Amino acid sequence: MEMASDQLQEIGFSQYEAQAYIGLLQHYPLNGYELAKESGIPRPNVYAVLEKLQEKGAVLRLDTPEGTRYAPVPVRELIQRLRGQYMASLDAANRSLSEISPQIEEHYVWNVHGYAVVIEHARAVIRSAQEQLLIAAGPEDARALTECLQQKETSGLQVSTLCLAGCSQTCAACHGDVHRDLFGDRERSRWLIIVADQREVLAGEMDQGGEISAIRTRQRLLVNLAFGFIRNSIALSTLKQGACLGSNGIFSQNEDDFLHLLHSESAQEDWLAHLRQMHYSS
């Protein structure tokens, strides 16, 4: 019952209003004196509370031969009414604020901290996508985004997923066109990168201690860097998995060495040198 009271207060009920409505759900119809006794609301306050609940459309006043009594509006009806009022208020606020607000600068960079907050921003970026969605993530974070991703996939949006854990098989966490490759040291950190319509990006990293921070931006350079990373990584993953092999079905020694160097953290310059060597020896 305490949880129900807290949830009513989260949607705009006062503590006494929540107590009164819950009291009426449990026992009705009641007069003011009976409700005060049942719910623990002080008697001097109970009629003012009931008046507020009538204004909210949460309580019905019943005039009977025995006097005035009160009954709760059914839960389903109340929630539907509140939802409608809330959405109408949001629409009105959107219209009013849009009229007075200048065009928001799209080259923002938001710094986001905390897993729950980062995931909410990730969901917002996913929902904003209209044509194409690229996501690079491990199974843990992909699962947290499953509902949003399923909705977008069902709507026909083009979804491409790069599994950064390099799982041996596609799991239920991945959606759309799935590619798998192991990136970085997942014992030290893990990444989450989402690009919507090559227009907005969220990129985050969780460290070994479970702390996560991310940026969300439409800054063109950062969007293109993230977009290029995922696209190029998907291309390399496809190459490594054999979709682009030569007629003999295997990599040449140079190609195989180059792919290993490209992913090496300890040889940031070696892969460029190797690329030059491959170019001049060809």
Protein backbone atom coordinates (compact mmCIF):
# COMPACT_ATOMS: atom_id res chain seq x y z
CA MET A 1 0.00 0.00 0.00
CA GLU A 2 2.91 2.34 0.71
CA MET A 3 4.23 1.79 -2.80
CA ALA A 4 0.81 2.62 -4.29
CA SER A 5 0.70 5.80 -2.21
CA ASP A 6 4.18 6.81 -3.41
CA GLN A 7 3.23 6.20 -7.03
CA LEU A 8 0.09 8.33 -6.72
CA GLN A 9 2.19 11.12 -5.25
CA GLU A 10 4.60 10.84 -8.20
CA ILE A 11 1.70 11.66 -10.57
CA GLY A 12 0.47 14.67 -8.64
CA PHE A 13 -1.54 13.46 -5.65
CA SER A 14 -0.77 14.88 -2.21
CA GLN A 15 -0.06 12.41 0.57
CA TYR A 16 -3.54 12.86 2.05
CA GLU A 17 -5.17 12.56 -1.39
CA ALA A 18 -3.32 9.30 -1.99
CA GLN A 19 -4.35 7.98 1.44
CA ALA A 20 -7.98 8.93 0.85
CA TYR A 21 -8.20 7.32 -2.60
CA ILE A 22 -6.55 4.12 -1.39
CA GLY A 23 -8.83 4.10 1.67
CA LEU A 24 -11.89 4.36 -0.57
CA LEU A 25 -10.60 1.58 -2.83
CA GLN A 26 -10.45 -0.70 0.21
CA HIS A 27 -13.76 0.31 1.77
CA TYR A 28 -16.59 2.23 0.08
CA PRO A 29 -18.86 4.08 0.13
CA LEU A 30 -17.76 6.06 3.19
CA ASN A 31 -18.68 9.40 4.67
CA GLY A 32 -16.02 11.89 5.68
CA TYR A 33 -15.82 10.74 9.29
CA GLU A 34 -15.49 7.07 8.27
CA LEU A 35 -12.85 7.87 5.67
CA ALA A 36 -10.79 9.89 8.14
CA LYS A 37 -10.88 6.99 10.57
CA GLU A 38 -10.07 4.43 7.87
CA SER A 39 -7.25 6.33 6.16
CA GLY A 40 -5.61 8.14 9.07
CA ILE A 41 -6.31 11.60 7.63
CA PRO A 42 -7.05 14.21 10.33
CA ARG A 43 -10.80 14.90 10.47
CA PRO A 44 -10.42 18.68 9.90
CA ASN A 45 -8.63 17.95 6.60
CA VAL A 46 -10.72 15.16 5.15
CA TYR A 47 -13.43 17.20 3.36
CA ALA A 48 -10.89 19.51 1.70
CA VAL A 49 -9.04 16.40 0.51
CA LEU A 50 -12.25 14.89 -0.86
CA GLU A 51 -13.01 18.12 -2.70
CA LYS A 52 -9.58 18.02 -4.35
CA LEU A 53 -10.11 14.38 -5.36
CA GLN A 54 -13.45 15.29 -6.94
CA GLU A 55 -11.69 18.01 -8.96
CA LYS A 56 -9.16 15.41 -10.11
CA GLY A 57 -11.99 13.08 -11.14
CA ALA A 58 -10.79 10.43 -8.71
CA VAL A 59 -13.80 10.34 -6.36
CA LEU A 60 -17.58 10.26 -6.83
CA ARG A 61 -19.92 12.01 -4.39
CA LEU A 62 -23.03 9.99 -3.58
CA ASP A 63 -26.02 11.72 -1.98
CA THR A 64 -28.03 9.08 -0.12
CA PRO A 65 -30.88 9.19 2.44
CA GLU A 66 -28.23 8.45 5.08
CA GLY A 67 -26.17 11.46 3.99
CA THR A 68 -23.25 12.19 1.67
CA ARG A 69 -20.87 9.36 0.97
CA TYR A 70 -17.93 8.94 -1.33
CA ALA A 71 -16.74 6.19 -3.68
CA PRO A 72 -13.56 5.86 -5.77
CA VAL A 73 -13.57 6.13 -9.53
CA PRO A 74 -12.40 2.71 -10.84
CA VAL A 75 -8.64 2.48 -11.18
CA ARG A 76 -8.62 1.84 -14.94
CA GLU A 77 -10.92 4.80 -15.60
CA LEU A 78 -8.86 7.06 -13.35
CA ILE A 79 -5.57 6.16 -15.02
CA GLN A 80 -7.03 6.66 -18.50
CA ARG A 81 -8.37 10.07 -17.48
CA LEU A 82 -5.08 11.13 -15.92
CA ARG A 83 -3.16 9.91 -18.96
CA GLY A 84 -5.39 11.95 -21.24
CA GLN A 85 -5.03 15.05 -19.08
CA TYR A 86 -1.27 14.60 -18.87
CA MET A 87 -0.85 14.17 -22.62
CA ALA A 88 -3.07 17.18 -23.29
CA SER A 89 -0.95 19.25 -20.90
CA LEU A 90 2.25 18.04 -22.59
CA ASP A 91 0.88 18.94 -26.04
CA ALA A 92 -0.15 22.38 -24.83
CA ALA A 93 3.24 22.94 -23.21
CA ASN A 94 4.98 21.82 -26.41
CA ARG A 95 3.00 24.31 -28.49
CA SER A 96 3.56 27.19 -26.06
CA LEU A 97 7.26 26.54 -25.54
CA SER A 98 7.89 26.03 -29.27
CA GLU A 99 6.40 29.47 -29.98
CA ILE A 100 8.74 31.28 -27.58
CA SER A 101 11.86 29.12 -27.94
CA PRO A 102 14.58 29.97 -30.48
CA GLN A 103 16.00 27.20 -32.63
CA ILE A 104 18.06 24.98 -30.35
CA GLU A 105 21.71 24.82 -31.34
CA GLU A 106 22.31 21.30 -32.63
CA HIS A 107 26.06 21.32 -32.04
CA TYR A 108 25.61 20.58 -28.35
CA VAL A 109 27.66 18.00 -26.47
CA TRP A 110 25.90 16.54 -23.44
CA ASN A 111 27.97 14.81 -20.79
CA VAL A 112 25.95 12.03 -19.20
CA HIS A 113 26.85 10.00 -16.11
CA GLY A 114 25.30 6.99 -14.39
CA TYR A 115 24.06 3.80 -16.02
CA ALA A 116 20.31 4.47 -15.73
CA VAL A 117 20.71 7.98 -17.17
CA VAL A 118 22.95 6.81 -20.01
CA ILE A 119 20.49 4.06 -20.96
CA GLU A 120 17.59 6.55 -20.99
CA HIS A 121 19.56 8.82 -23.33
CA ALA A 122 20.41 5.79 -25.47
CA ARG A 123 16.71 4.94 -25.74
CA ALA A 124 15.93 8.53 -26.72
CA VAL A 125 18.52 8.41 -29.51
CA ILE A 126 17.10 5.09 -30.73
CA ARG A 127 13.54 6.45 -30.74
CA SER A 128 14.66 9.50 -32.73
CA ALA A 129 15.96 7.40 -35.64
CA GLN A 130 13.80 7.55 -38.75
CA GLU A 131 15.85 5.76 -41.41
CA GLN A 132 18.96 4.05 -40.10
CA LEU A 133 20.36 2.94 -36.76
CA LEU A 134 23.89 1.73 -36.10
CA ILE A 135 24.66 0.28 -32.67
CA ALA A 136 27.92 -1.06 -31.27
CA ALA A 137 27.43 -2.74 -27.90
CA GLY A 138 28.02 -5.79 -25.78
CA PRO A 139 25.18 -8.14 -24.80
CA GLU A 140 24.70 -6.50 -21.38
CA ASP A 141 23.83 -3.09 -22.78
CA ALA A 142 22.01 -4.42 -25.83
CA ARG A 143 19.62 -6.29 -23.52
CA ALA A 144 18.80 -3.05 -21.69
CA LEU A 145 17.79 -1.55 -25.05
CA THR A 146 15.94 -4.58 -26.43
CA GLU A 147 12.42 -3.15 -26.23
CA CYS A 148 13.33 0.04 -28.11
CA LEU A 149 15.34 -1.85 -30.70
CA GLN A 150 12.54 -4.35 -31.29
CA GLN A 151 10.07 -1.52 -31.86
CA LYS A 152 12.34 0.14 -34.39
CA GLU A 153 13.08 -3.14 -36.14
CA THR A 154 9.36 -3.94 -36.33
CA SER A 155 8.65 -0.51 -37.82
CA GLY A 156 10.97 -1.32 -40.73
CA LEU A 157 13.92 0.82 -39.66
CA GLN A 158 17.30 -0.35 -40.95
CA VAL A 159 19.20 -1.59 -37.88
CA SER A 160 22.81 -2.77 -37.94
CA THR A 161 24.44 -4.16 -34.79
CA LEU A 162 28.12 -4.65 -34.10
CA CYS A 163 28.56 -7.02 -31.15
CA LEU A 164 31.67 -5.75 -29.40
CA ALA A 165 31.94 -8.90 -27.30
CA GLY A 166 32.65 -11.01 -30.36
CA CYS A 167 30.08 -13.62 -29.32
CA SER A 168 30.41 -16.87 -31.22
CA GLN A 169 26.71 -16.80 -32.12
CA THR A 170 24.02 -14.17 -32.44
CA CYS A 171 21.97 -13.90 -29.26
CA ALA A 172 18.56 -12.39 -28.56
CA ALA A 173 20.18 -9.11 -27.47
CA CYS A 174 21.30 -8.22 -31.00
CA HIS A 175 18.91 -6.88 -33.63
CA GLY A 176 18.87 -6.24 -37.34
CA ASP A 177 21.92 -6.99 -39.44
CA VAL A 178 24.31 -8.43 -36.85
CA HIS A 179 28.11 -8.55 -37.03
CA ARG A 180 30.45 -9.78 -34.31
CA ASP A 181 33.99 -8.84 -33.42
CA LEU A 182 35.93 -8.51 -30.17
CA PHE A 183 37.07 -4.96 -29.43
CA GLY A 184 39.32 -3.71 -26.65
CA ASP A 185 39.87 -5.22 -23.24
CA ARG A 186 36.40 -5.96 -21.87
CA GLU A 187 37.84 -6.76 -18.46
CA ARG A 188 38.84 -3.10 -18.15
CA SER A 189 35.95 -1.36 -19.89
CA ARG A 190 33.08 -1.79 -22.30
CA TRP A 191 31.66 0.56 -24.94
CA LEU A 192 28.19 1.57 -26.07
CA ILE A 193 27.89 3.57 -29.30
CA ILE A 194 24.63 4.43 -31.08
CA VAL A 195 24.31 6.49 -34.27
CA ALA A 196 20.84 7.56 -35.44
CA ASP A 197 20.42 8.57 -39.11
CA GLN A 198 24.07 9.66 -39.26
CA ARG A 199 22.74 12.72 -37.40
CA GLU A 200 23.13 12.05 -33.67
CA VAL A 201 25.44 9.87 -31.59
CA LEU A 202 25.62 8.57 -28.06
CA ALA A 203 28.99 7.11 -27.10
CA GLY A 204 29.74 5.78 -23.63
CA GLU A 205 32.28 3.74 -21.75
CA MET A 206 31.92 1.76 -18.52
CA ASP A 207 35.07 1.21 -16.50
CA GLN A 208 36.08 -1.78 -14.39
CA GLY A 209 34.44 -0.27 -11.31
CA GLY A 210 31.04 -0.01 -13.00
CA GLU A 211 31.20 3.76 -13.52
CA ILE A 212 29.82 4.86 -16.89
CA SER A 213 30.01 8.18 -18.67
CA ALA A 214 28.88 9.11 -22.15
CA ILE A 215 28.42 11.96 -24.55
CA ARG A 216 25.37 12.66 -26.69
CA THR A 217 25.73 15.07 -29.55
CA ARG A 218 24.82 16.08 -33.09
CA GLN A 219 28.21 17.65 -33.67
CA ARG A 220 29.01 16.56 -37.20
CA LEU A 221 32.63 15.58 -36.63
CA LEU A 222 31.84 13.32 -33.67
CA VAL A 223 28.84 11.79 -35.42
CA ASN A 224 30.93 10.99 -38.48
CA LEU A 225 33.74 9.53 -36.38
CA ALA A 226 31.35 7.18 -34.59
CA PHE A 227 29.53 6.34 -37.83
CA GLY A 228 32.82 5.60 -39.57
CA PHE A 229 34.08 3.46 -36.68
CA ILE A 230 30.99 1.23 -36.72
CA ARG A 231 30.81 0.97 -40.52
CA ASN A 232 34.52 0.24 -40.89
CA SER A 233 34.42 -2.25 -38.02
CA ILE A 234 31.51 -4.04 -39.67
CA ALA A 235 33.49 -4.15 -42.93
CA LEU A 236 36.52 -5.60 -41.17
CA SER A 237 34.35 -8.10 -39.32
CA THR A 238 32.83 -9.18 -42.62
CA LEU A 239 36.27 -9.50 -44.15
CA LYS A 240 37.56 -11.56 -41.24
CA GLN A 241 34.54 -13.85 -41.32
CA GLY A 242 35.24 -14.70 -44.93
CA ALA A 243 32.55 -12.87 -46.88
CA CYS A 244 35.21 -11.01 -48.89
CA LEU A 245 37.80 -13.75 -49.31
CA GLY A 246 39.51 -14.43 -52.59
CA SER A 247 38.76 -17.32 -54.89
CA ASN A 248 40.98 -19.65 -52.87
CA GLY A 249 38.85 -19.04 -49.76
CA ILE A 250 41.67 -17.88 -47.48
CA PHE A 251 43.45 -14.65 -46.58
CA SER A 252 46.91 -13.98 -47.85
CA GLN A 253 49.57 -13.78 -45.15
CA ASN A 254 49.79 -10.01 -45.63
CA GLU A 255 46.03 -9.54 -45.22
CA ASP A 256 45.93 -11.72 -42.13
CA ASP A 257 48.88 -9.89 -40.53
CA PHE A 258 47.37 -6.54 -41.36
CA LEU A 259 44.01 -7.38 -39.75
CA HIS A 260 45.74 -8.43 -36.56
CA LEU A 261 47.85 -5.28 -36.51
CA LEU A 262 44.81 -3.09 -37.14
CA HIS A 263 43.23 -4.30 -33.90
CA SER A 264 46.42 -4.25 -31.88
CA GLU A 265 46.52 -1.73 -29.01
CA SER A 266 50.28 -2.10 -28.64
CA ALA A 267 51.21 -1.24 -32.23
CA GLN A 268 49.54 2.05 -33.12
CA GLU A 269 52.07 2.85 -35.85
CA ASP A 270 52.96 -0.67 -37.00
CA TRP A 271 49.77 -1.14 -38.98
CA LEU A 272 50.49 2.02 -40.99
CA ALA A 273 54.00 0.81 -41.70
CA HIS A 274 52.60 -2.56 -42.69
CA LEU A 275 50.07 -0.90 -44.98
CA ARG A 276 52.83 1.08 -46.68
CA GLN A 277 54.88 -2.10 -47.09
CA MET A 278 51.90 -3.88 -48.68
CA HIS A 279 51.36 -0.91 -51.02
CA TYR A 280 54.94 -0.57 -52.21
CA SER A 281 55.48 -4.32 -52.58
CA SER A 282 52.38 -4.79 -54.72
